[in-house]
PDB file of N, CA and C in Angstrom:
ATOM      1  N   UNK A   1       0.812  -1.198   0.000  1.00  0.00           N
ATOM      2  CA  UNK A   1       0.000   0.000   0.000  1.00  0.00           C
ATOM      3  C   UNK A   1       0.852   1.257   0.000  1.00  0.00           C
ATOM      4  N   UNK A   2       1.955   1.232   0.756  1.00  0.00           N
ATOM      5  CA  UNK A   2       2.803   2.420   0.824  1.00  0.00           C
ATOM      6  C   UNK A   2       3.477   2.685  -0.524  1.00  0.00           C
ATOM      7  N   UNK A   3       3.739   1.629  -1.291  1.00  0.00           N
ATOM      8  CA  UNK A   3       4.337   1.821  -2.623  1.00  0.00           C
ATOM      9  C   UNK A   3       3.360   2.530  -3.553  1.00  0.00           C
ATOM     10  N   UNK A   4       2.124   2.219  -3.484  1.00  0.00           N
ATOM     11  CA  UNK A   4       1.111   2.842  -4.332  1.00  0.00           C
ATOM     12  C   UNK A   4       0.997   4.328  -3.991  1.00  0.00           C
ATOM     13  N   UNK A   5       0.975   4.653  -2.726  1.00  0.00           N
ATOM     14  CA  UNK A   5       0.904   6.059  -2.308  1.00  0.00           C
ATOM     15  C   UNK A   5       2.156   6.806  -2.757  1.00  0.00           C
ATOM     16  N   UNK A   6       3.316   6.151  -2.643  1.00  0.00           N
ATOM     17  CA  UNK A   6       4.565   6.764  -3.085  1.00  0.00           C
ATOM     18  C   UNK A   6       4.512   7.110  -4.572  1.00  0.00           C
ATOM     19  N   UNK A   7       4.076   6.169  -5.398  1.00  0.00           N
ATOM     20  CA  UNK A   7       4.026   6.400  -6.838  1.00  0.00           C
ATOM     21  C   UNK A   7       2.990   7.466  -7.196  1.00  0.00           C
ATOM     22  N   UNK A   8       1.871   7.496  -6.541  1.00  0.00           N
ATOM     23  CA  UNK A   8       0.848   8.514  -6.789  1.00  0.00           C
ATOM     24  C   UNK A   8       1.405   9.898  -6.449  1.00  0.00           C
ATOM     25  N   UNK A   9       2.083  10.017  -5.300  1.00  0.00           N
ATOM     26  CA  UNK A   9       2.685  11.303  -4.923  1.00  0.00           C
ATOM     27  C   UNK A   9       3.798  11.715  -5.900  1.00  0.00           C
ATOM     28  N   UNK A  10       4.594  10.768  -6.333  1.00  0.00           N
ATOM     29  CA  UNK A  10       5.677  11.073  -7.270  1.00  0.00           C
ATOM     30  C   UNK A  10       5.127  11.562  -8.611  1.00  0.00           C
ATOM     31  N   UNK A  11       4.105  10.880  -9.114  1.00  0.00           N
ATOM     32  CA  UNK A  11       3.491  11.299 -10.379  1.00  0.00           C
ATOM     33  C   UNK A  11       2.848  12.667 -10.216  1.00  0.00           C
ATOM     34  N   UNK A  12       2.201  12.919  -9.085  1.00  0.00           N
ATOM     35  CA  UNK A  12       1.600  14.227  -8.832  1.00  0.00           C
ATOM     36  C   UNK A  12       2.642  15.335  -8.811  1.00  0.00           C
ATOM     37  N   UNK A  13       3.792  15.082  -8.181  1.00  0.00           N
ATOM     38  CA  UNK A  13       4.863  16.088  -8.143  1.00  0.00           C
ATOM     39  C   UNK A  13       5.429  16.365  -9.535  1.00  0.00           C
ATOM     40  N   UNK A  14       5.566  15.328 -10.338  1.00  0.00           N
ATOM     41  CA  UNK A  14       6.077  15.506 -11.704  1.00  0.00           C
ATOM     42  C   UNK A  14       5.098  16.337 -12.525  1.00  0.00           C
ATOM     43  N   UNK A  15       3.814  16.056 -12.406  1.00  0.00           N
ATOM     44  CA  UNK A  15       2.794  16.816 -13.137  1.00  0.00           C
ATOM     45  C   UNK A  15       2.810  18.272 -12.695  1.00  0.00           C
ATOM     46  N   UNK A  16       2.899  18.531 -11.391  1.00  0.00           N
ATOM     47  CA  UNK A  16       2.957  19.909 -10.899  1.00  0.00           C
ATOM     48  C   UNK A  16       4.214  20.633 -11.383  1.00  0.00           C
ATOM     49  N   UNK A  17       5.336  19.940 -11.419  1.00  0.00           N
ATOM     50  CA  UNK A  17       6.576  20.555 -11.897  1.00  0.00           C
ATOM     51  C   UNK A  17       6.480  20.917 -13.375  1.00  0.00           C
ATOM     52  N   UNK A  18       5.883  20.045 -14.166  1.00  0.00           N
ATOM     53  CA  UNK A  18       5.738  20.320 -15.600  1.00  0.00           C
ATOM     54  C   UNK A  18       4.792  21.498 -15.815  1.00  0.00           C
ATOM     55  N   UNK A  19       3.700  21.555 -15.077  1.00  0.00           N
ATOM     56  CA  UNK A  19       2.762  22.687 -15.199  1.00  0.00           C
ATOM     57  C   UNK A  19       3.442  24.008 -14.833  1.00  0.00           C
ATOM     58  N   UNK A  20       4.207  23.997 -13.737  1.00  0.00           N
ATOM     59  CA  UNK A  20       4.899  25.217 -13.309  1.00  0.00           C
ATOM     60  C   UNK A  20       5.902  25.665 -14.371  1.00  0.00           C
ATOM     61  N   UNK A  21       6.614  24.733 -14.971  1.00  0.00           N
ATOM     62  CA  UNK A  21       7.594  25.056 -16.011  1.00  0.00           C
ATOM     63  C   UNK A  21       6.902  25.652 -17.235  1.00  0.00           C
ATOM     64  N   UNK A  22       5.806  25.058 -17.662  1.00  0.00           N
ATOM     65  CA  UNK A  22       5.078  25.577 -18.822  1.00  0.00           C
ATOM     66  C   UNK A  22       4.471  26.944 -18.531  1.00  0.00           C
ATOM     67  N   UNK A  23       3.972  27.141 -17.325  1.00  0.00           N
ATOM     68  CA  UNK A  23       3.410  28.430 -16.955  1.00  0.00           C
ATOM     69  C   UNK A  23       4.499  29.506 -16.942  1.00  0.00           C
ATOM     70  N   UNK A  24       5.686  29.170 -16.471  1.00  0.00           N
ATOM     71  CA  UNK A  24       6.814  30.109 -16.459  1.00  0.00           C
ATOM     72  C   UNK A  24       7.248  30.489 -17.866  1.00  0.00           C
ATOM     73  N   UNK A  25       7.235  29.534 -18.782  1.00  0.00           N
ATOM     74  CA  UNK A  25       7.604  29.834 -20.172  1.00  0.00           C
ATOM     75  C   UNK A  25       6.576  30.750 -20.811  1.00  0.00           C
ATOM     76  N   UNK A  26       5.295  30.537 -20.533  1.00  0.00           N
ATOM     77  CA  UNK A  26       4.235  31.371 -21.094  1.00  0.00           C
ATOM     78  C   UNK A  26       4.288  32.784 -20.552  1.00  0.00           C
ATOM     79  N   UNK A  27       4.653  32.943 -19.294  1.00  0.00           N
ATOM     80  CA  UNK A  27       4.726  34.278 -18.690  1.00  0.00           C
ATOM     81  C   UNK A  27       5.890  35.073 -19.267  1.00  0.00           C
ATOM     82  N   UNK A  28       6.957  34.404 -19.650  1.00  0.00           N
ATOM     83  CA  UNK A  28       8.110  35.117 -20.233  1.00  0.00           C
ATOM     84  C   UNK A  28       7.808  35.653 -21.618  1.00  0.00           C
ATOM     85  N   UNK A  29       6.957  34.978 -22.343  1.00  0.00           N
ATOM     86  CA  UNK A  29       6.663  35.398 -23.713  1.00  0.00           C
ATOM     87  C   UNK A  29       5.786  36.642 -23.768  1.00  0.00           C
ATOM     88  N   UNK A  30       4.866  36.780 -22.824  1.00  0.00           N
ATOM     89  CA  UNK A  30       3.929  37.891 -22.845  1.00  0.00           C
ATOM     90  C   UNK A  30       4.304  38.902 -21.768  1.00  0.00           C
ATOM     91  N   UNK A  31       4.483  40.175 -22.135  1.00  0.00           N
ATOM     92  CA  UNK A  31       4.780  41.178 -21.112  1.00  0.00           C
ATOM     93  C   UNK A  31       3.540  41.445 -20.267  1.00  0.00           C
ATOM     94  N   UNK A  32       3.713  41.820 -19.018  1.00  0.00           N
ATOM     95  CA  UNK A  32       2.555  42.112 -18.175  1.00  0.00           C
ATOM     96  C   UNK A  32       1.745  43.274 -18.744  1.00  0.00           C
ATOM     97  N   UNK A  33       0.426  43.185 -18.631  1.00  0.00           N
ATOM     98  CA  UNK A  33      -0.442  44.203 -19.206  1.00  0.00           C
ATOM     99  C   UNK A  33      -0.483  45.477 -18.365  1.00  0.00           C
ATOM    100  N   UNK A  34      -0.240  45.391 -17.051  1.00  0.00           N
ATOM    101  CA  UNK A  34      -0.340  46.574 -16.202  1.00  0.00           C
ATOM    102  C   UNK A  34       0.873  47.489 -16.313  1.00  0.00           C
ATOM    103  N   UNK A  35       1.977  46.994 -16.789  1.00  0.00           N
ATOM    104  CA  UNK A  35       3.171  47.810 -16.954  1.00  0.00           C
ATOM    105  C   UNK A  35       3.217  48.380 -18.359  1.00  0.00           C
ATOM    106  N   UNK A  36       3.521  49.656 -18.481  1.00  0.00           N
ATOM    107  CA  UNK A  36       3.642  50.251 -19.805  1.00  0.00           C
ATOM    108  C   UNK A  36       5.051  50.016 -20.316  1.00  0.00           C
ATOM    109  N   UNK A  37       5.170  49.868 -21.595  1.00  0.00           N
ATOM    110  CA  UNK A  37       6.468  49.611 -22.199  1.00  0.00           C
ATOM    111  C   UNK A  37       7.233  50.919 -22.315  1.00  0.00           C
ATOM    112  N   UNK A  38       8.262  51.085 -21.502  1.00  0.00           N
ATOM    113  CA  UNK A  38       9.044  52.324 -21.504  1.00  0.00           C
ATOM    114  C   UNK A  38      10.353  52.157 -22.251  1.00  0.00           C
ATOM    115  N   UNK A  39      10.560  51.011 -22.846  1.00  0.00           N
ATOM    116  CA  UNK A  39      11.802  50.798 -23.590  1.00  0.00           C
ATOM    117  C   UNK A  39      11.789  51.588 -24.894  1.00  0.00           C
ATOM    118  N   UNK A  40      12.982  51.967 -25.329  1.00  0.00           N
ATOM    119  CA  UNK A  40      13.109  52.656 -26.611  1.00  0.00           C
ATOM    120  C   UNK A  40      12.946  51.642 -27.737  1.00  0.00           C
ATOM    121  N   UNK A  41      12.438  52.081 -28.880  1.00  0.00           N
ATOM    122  CA  UNK A  41      12.348  51.154 -30.005  1.00  0.00           C
ATOM    123  C   UNK A  41      13.758  50.772 -30.450  1.00  0.00           C
ATOM    124  N   UNK A  42      13.919  49.582 -31.014  1.00  0.00           N
ATOM    125  CA  UNK A  42      15.253  49.163 -31.436  1.00  0.00           C
ATOM    126  C   UNK A  42      15.802  50.091 -32.518  1.00  0.00           C
ATOM    127  N   UNK A  43      17.064  50.406 -32.369  1.00  0.00           N
ATOM    128  CA  UNK A  43      17.705  51.286 -33.354  1.00  0.00           C
ATOM    129  C   UNK A  43      18.146  50.466 -34.554  1.00  0.00           C
ATOM    130  N   UNK A  44      17.935  51.047 -35.722  1.00  0.00           N
ATOM    131  CA  UNK A  44      18.339  50.357 -36.932  1.00  0.00           C
ATOM    132  C   UNK A  44      19.752  50.781 -37.294  1.00  0.00           C
ATOM    133  N   UNK A  45      20.472  49.864 -37.893  1.00  0.00           N
ATOM    134  CA  UNK A  45      21.826  50.160 -38.325  1.00  0.00           C
ATOM    135  C   UNK A  45      21.764  51.191 -39.447  1.00  0.00           C
ATOM    136  N   UNK A  46      22.731  52.102 -39.521  1.00  0.00           N
ATOM    137  CA  UNK A  46      22.710  53.079 -40.605  1.00  0.00           C
ATOM    138  C   UNK A  46      22.860  52.382 -41.959  1.00  0.00           C
ATOM    139  N   UNK A  47      22.116  52.872 -42.900  1.00  0.00           N
ATOM    140  CA  UNK A  47      22.136  52.296 -44.240  1.00  0.00           C
ATOM    141  C   UNK A  47      23.362  52.813 -44.981  1.00  0.00           C
ATOM    142  N   UNK A  48      24.115  51.894 -45.545  1.00  0.00           N
ATOM    143  CA  UNK A  48      25.298  52.281 -46.303  1.00  0.00           C
ATOM    144  C   UNK A  48      24.866  52.974 -47.597  1.00  0.00           C
ATOM    145  N   UNK A  49      25.673  53.924 -48.011  1.00  0.00           N
ATOM    146  CA  UNK A  49      25.344  54.622 -49.252  1.00  0.00           C
ATOM    147  C   UNK A  49      25.507  53.678 -50.439  1.00  0.00           C
ATOM    148  N   UNK A  50      24.666  53.866 -51.427  1.00  0.00           N
ATOM    149  CA  UNK A  50      24.749  53.051 -52.637  1.00  0.00           C
ATOM    150  C   UNK A  50      25.862  53.619 -53.491  1.00  0.00           C
ATOM    151  N   UNK A  51      26.758  52.748 -53.894  1.00  0.00           N
ATOM    152  CA  UNK A  51      27.919  53.200 -54.647  1.00  0.00           C
ATOM    153  C   UNK A  51      27.754  52.852 -56.127  1.00  0.00           C
ATOM    154  N   UNK A  52      28.260  53.718 -56.968  1.00  0.00           N
ATOM    155  CA  UNK A  52      28.202  53.503 -58.406  1.00  0.00           C
ATOM    156  C   UNK A  52      29.142  52.359 -58.782  1.00  0.00           C
ATOM    157  N   UNK A  53      28.656  51.489 -59.659  1.00  0.00           N
ATOM    158  CA  UNK A  53      29.457  50.361 -60.121  1.00  0.00           C
ATOM    159  C   UNK A  53      29.990  50.676 -61.511  1.00  0.00           C
ATOM    160  N   UNK A  54      31.152  50.129 -61.804  1.00  0.00           N
ATOM    161  CA  UNK A  54      31.751  50.281 -63.127  1.00  0.00           C
ATOM    162  C   UNK A  54      32.212  48.916 -63.599  1.00  0.00           C
ATOM    163  N   UNK A  55      32.607  48.842 -64.880  1.00  0.00           N
ATOM    164  CA  UNK A  55      32.994  47.566 -65.469  1.00  0.00           C
ATOM    165  C   UNK A  55      34.434  47.643 -65.942  1.00  0.00           C
ATOM    166  N   UNK A  56      35.200  46.590 -65.694  1.00  0.00           N
ATOM    167  CA  UNK A  56      36.590  46.534 -66.144  1.00  0.00           C
ATOM    168  C   UNK A  56      36.616  46.467 -67.670  1.00  0.00           C
ATOM    169  N   UNK A  57      37.472  47.300 -68.276  1.00  0.00           N
ATOM    170  CA  UNK A  57      37.559  47.338 -69.736  1.00  0.00           C
ATOM    171  C   UNK A  57      38.175  46.061 -70.297  1.00  0.00           C
ATOM    172  N   UNK A  58      38.924  45.321 -69.493  1.00  0.00           N
ATOM    173  CA  UNK A  58      39.566  44.108 -70.006  1.00  0.00           C
ATOM    174  C   UNK A  58      38.731  42.853 -69.738  1.00  0.00           C
ATOM    175  N   UNK A  59      38.370  42.590 -68.462  1.00  0.00           N
ATOM    176  CA  UNK A  59      37.702  41.317 -68.143  1.00  0.00           C
ATOM    177  C   UNK A  59      36.190  41.433 -68.030  1.00  0.00           C
ATOM    178  N   UNK A  60      35.650  42.644 -67.906  1.00  0.00           N
ATOM    179  CA  UNK A  60      34.206  42.840 -67.875  1.00  0.00           C
ATOM    180  C   UNK A  60      33.572  42.678 -66.502  1.00  0.00           C
ATOM    181  N   UNK A  61      34.364  42.466 -65.466  1.00  0.00           N
ATOM    182  CA  UNK A  61      33.806  42.311 -64.129  1.00  0.00           C
ATOM    183  C   UNK A  61      33.282  43.648 -63.621  1.00  0.00           C
ATOM    184  N   UNK A  62      32.182  43.632 -62.865  1.00  0.00           N
ATOM    185  CA  UNK A  62      31.622  44.847 -62.270  1.00  0.00           C
ATOM    186  C   UNK A  62      32.165  44.993 -60.851  1.00  0.00           C
ATOM    187  N   UNK A  63      32.532  46.210 -60.470  1.00  0.00           N
ATOM    188  CA  UNK A  63      33.095  46.489 -59.152  1.00  0.00           C
ATOM    189  C   UNK A  63      32.814  47.946 -58.813  1.00  0.00           C
ATOM    190  N   UNK A  64      32.962  48.339 -57.519  1.00  0.00           N
ATOM    191  CA  UNK A  64      32.692  49.724 -57.129  1.00  0.00           C
ATOM    192  C   UNK A  64      33.623  50.708 -57.836  1.00  0.00           C
ATOM    193  N   UNK A  65      33.073  51.836 -58.251  1.00  0.00           N
ATOM    194  CA  UNK A  65      33.860  52.834 -58.984  1.00  0.00           C
ATOM    195  C   UNK A  65      34.983  53.409 -58.132  1.00  0.00           C
ATOM    196  N   UNK A  66      34.833  53.387 -56.806  1.00  0.00           N
ATOM    197  CA  UNK A  66      35.883  53.927 -55.943  1.00  0.00           C
ATOM    198  C   UNK A  66      37.136  53.062 -55.953  1.00  0.00           C
ATOM    199  N   UNK A  67      37.027  51.814 -56.381  1.00  0.00           N
ATOM    200  CA  UNK A  67      38.165  50.910 -56.437  1.00  0.00           C
ATOM    201  C   UNK A  67      38.778  50.828 -57.835  1.00  0.00           C
ATOM    202  N   UNK A  68      38.276  51.609 -58.769  1.00  0.00           N
ATOM    203  CA  UNK A  68      38.719  51.523 -60.161  1.00  0.00           C
ATOM    204  C   UNK A  68      40.109  52.116 -60.346  1.00  0.00           C
ATOM    205  N   UNK A  69      40.843  51.525 -61.285  1.00  0.00           N
ATOM    206  CA  UNK A  69      42.126  52.071 -61.744  1.00  0.00           C
ATOM    207  C   UNK A  69      41.832  52.697 -63.097  1.00  0.00           C
ATOM    208  N   UNK A  70      42.021  54.029 -63.210  1.00  0.00           N
ATOM    209  CA  UNK A  70      41.695  54.750 -64.429  1.00  0.00           C
ATOM    210  C   UNK A  70      42.953  54.892 -65.286  1.00  0.00           C
ATOM    211  N   UNK A  71      42.806  54.559 -66.589  1.00  0.00           N
ATOM    212  CA  UNK A  71      43.917  54.723 -67.525  1.00  0.00           C
ATOM    213  C   UNK A  71      43.350  54.811 -68.935  1.00  0.00           C
ATOM    214  N   UNK A  72      43.851  55.758 -69.715  1.00  0.00           N
ATOM    215  CA  UNK A  72      43.457  55.932 -71.120  1.00  0.00           C
ATOM    216  C   UNK A  72      41.941  56.046 -71.296  1.00  0.00           C
ATOM    217  N   UNK A  73      41.234  56.647 -70.342  1.00  0.00           N
ATOM    218  CA  UNK A  73      39.801  56.838 -70.447  1.00  0.00           C
ATOM    219  C   UNK A  73      38.983  55.598 -70.137  1.00  0.00           C
ATOM    220  N   UNK A  74      39.601  54.555 -69.640  1.00  0.00           N
ATOM    221  CA  UNK A  74      38.912  53.311 -69.289  1.00  0.00           C
ATOM    222  C   UNK A  74      39.063  53.047 -67.794  1.00  0.00           C
ATOM    223  N   UNK A  75      38.152  52.235 -67.282  1.00  0.00           N
ATOM    224  CA  UNK A  75      38.236  51.785 -65.892  1.00  0.00           C
ATOM    225  C   UNK A  75      38.700  50.335 -65.880  1.00  0.00           C
ATOM    226  N   UNK A  76      39.637  50.028 -64.988  1.00  0.00           N
ATOM    227  CA  UNK A  76      40.151  48.671 -64.850  1.00  0.00           C
ATOM    228  C   UNK A  76      40.012  48.223 -63.403  1.00  0.00           C
ATOM    229  N   UNK A  77      39.924  46.904 -63.198  1.00  0.00           N
ATOM    230  CA  UNK A  77      39.746  46.369 -61.849  1.00  0.00           C
ATOM    231  C   UNK A  77      41.064  46.212 -61.108  1.00  0.00           C
ATOM    232  N   UNK A  78      42.181  46.192 -61.821  1.00  0.00           N
ATOM    233  CA  UNK A  78      43.477  46.048 -61.158  1.00  0.00           C
ATOM    234  C   UNK A  78      44.568  46.668 -62.029  1.00  0.00           C
ATOM    235  N   UNK A  79      45.706  47.000 -61.423  1.00  0.00           N
ATOM    236  CA  UNK A  79      46.813  47.556 -62.218  1.00  0.00           C
ATOM    237  C   UNK A  79      47.327  46.565 -63.267  1.00  0.00           C
ATOM    238  N   UNK A  80      47.174  45.282 -63.008  1.00  0.00           N
ATOM    239  CA  UNK A  80      47.595  44.272 -63.988  1.00  0.00           C
ATOM    240  C   UNK A  80      46.788  44.326 -65.265  1.00  0.00           C
ATOM    241  N   UNK A  81      45.532  44.670 -65.206  1.00  0.00           N
ATOM    242  CA  UNK A  81      44.688  44.733 -66.386  1.00  0.00           C
ATOM    243  C   UNK A  81      44.897  46.013 -67.185  1.00  0.00           C
ATOM    244  N   UNK A  82      45.533  47.020 -66.598  1.00  0.00           N
ATOM    245  CA  UNK A  82      45.815  48.249 -67.327  1.00  0.00           C
ATOM    246  C   UNK A  82      46.791  47.935 -68.470  1.00  0.00           C
ATOM    247  N   UNK A  83      47.705  47.022 -68.239  1.00  0.00           N
ATOM    248  CA  UNK A  83      48.714  46.671 -69.257  1.00  0.00           C
ATOM    249  C   UNK A  83      48.120  45.809 -70.374  1.00  0.00           C
ATOM    250  N   UNK A  84      46.959  45.198 -70.145  1.00  0.00           N
ATOM    251  CA  UNK A  84      46.335  44.342 -71.139  1.00  0.00           C
ATOM    252  C   UNK A  84      45.350  45.144 -71.981  1.00  0.00           C
ATOM    253  N   UNK A  85      45.084  44.707 -73.219  1.00  0.00           N
ATOM    254  CA  UNK A  85      44.197  45.478 -74.099  1.00  0.00           C
ATOM    255  C   UNK A  85      42.743  45.365 -73.668  1.00  0.00           C
ATOM    256  N   UNK A  86      41.958  46.441 -73.902  1.00  0.00           N
ATOM    257  CA  UNK A  86      40.520  46.350 -73.625  1.00  0.00           C
ATOM    258  C   UNK A  86      39.869  45.356 -74.569  1.00  0.00           C
ATOM    259  N   UNK A  87      38.774  44.789 -74.177  1.00  0.00           N
ATOM    260  CA  UNK A  87      38.129  43.806 -75.058  1.00  0.00           C
ATOM    261  C   UNK A  87      37.191  44.438 -76.023  1.00  0.00           C
TER     262      UNK A  87
END
């Protein structure tokens, strides 16, 4: 008889522990209604400026114009391509 009571109490404690855990998880997800939200809205990262793209006169790859090597009125992607003929 004492074994039956032991198992009933053990199962009851496990059920209560699981309920308490689930209730705690649910409370974390929802903010309390009586408290007003005084937090600042999340700040967004500054948007990078859009840069003009250009094309290498030799290989045709597109890259930012600020990285271009200018020679003979053409844009090149590297100093090595300046020595090669445009396509």
